[in-house]
Amino acid sequence: MVGLREKLMSYMRSMGAFEILESTKKHFRRKLEKEFGDLLQFEDLLDNNKLFVLPKNVSKDQLARGMVKLSQQIDNRNTPSKIKEIQQAGLYIRDAVLSNNTEVPWPPKPSDLCESAINLPAELDAFLYTLLTGNTEIPTEYPHRVRRLVNFFGQDIVYGVTGGRQTLPSKYCYHMRLSL
């Protein structure tokens, strides 16, 4: 019922109704019952005070069949499809890394080696943040520990994906230590 009400609200907004009265939201069930009469049935199927709207012309057998088919579809979402999604995400991030050409001049200046000079692709940055924190809401400012880890892993990924052609500050520091 909530989903149905939200769809109505978004439809009303798309048609130009920017101010929707609270009474429109509150008395939605009454209005549906008045409009459709005996054609609709309202049931709390999950015992959680959330109503489902069921057409009267659909039998219990049809509802049960639909429920079984839906649960089978959910069960059939197997691991190979998840692996394919991960592979697609990997290819997307790879393309983002390859299209992001950020070079640090040689020899680097101290300002080129600071943390703020690291310029990772936004896709890689968001992926690493989500991987490390489990959060899909990306904040404007990361916690210090997360920012360091994202920069650390991100630089290694950029270096690996580009085959060493694109070098970021952490690799320059590594090369400088070796040459000393």
Foldseek 3Di string as FASTA:
>chain_A
DVVVLVVVVVVCVVVPCPDDDPVCSVCVVVVVCVVPPQQWDWDPVPPPPDTDIDGPVQDPVNVVVVVVVVVVVVVPPDDVVVVVVVVVLVVVQLVQLVVDADAADPPHDPVQQDLVNQDFRPSLLQVQLCVVPVDNDDDPDDDPVSSVVSSVVRQVVSCVSVVNPHHGNVVSVVVVVVVD
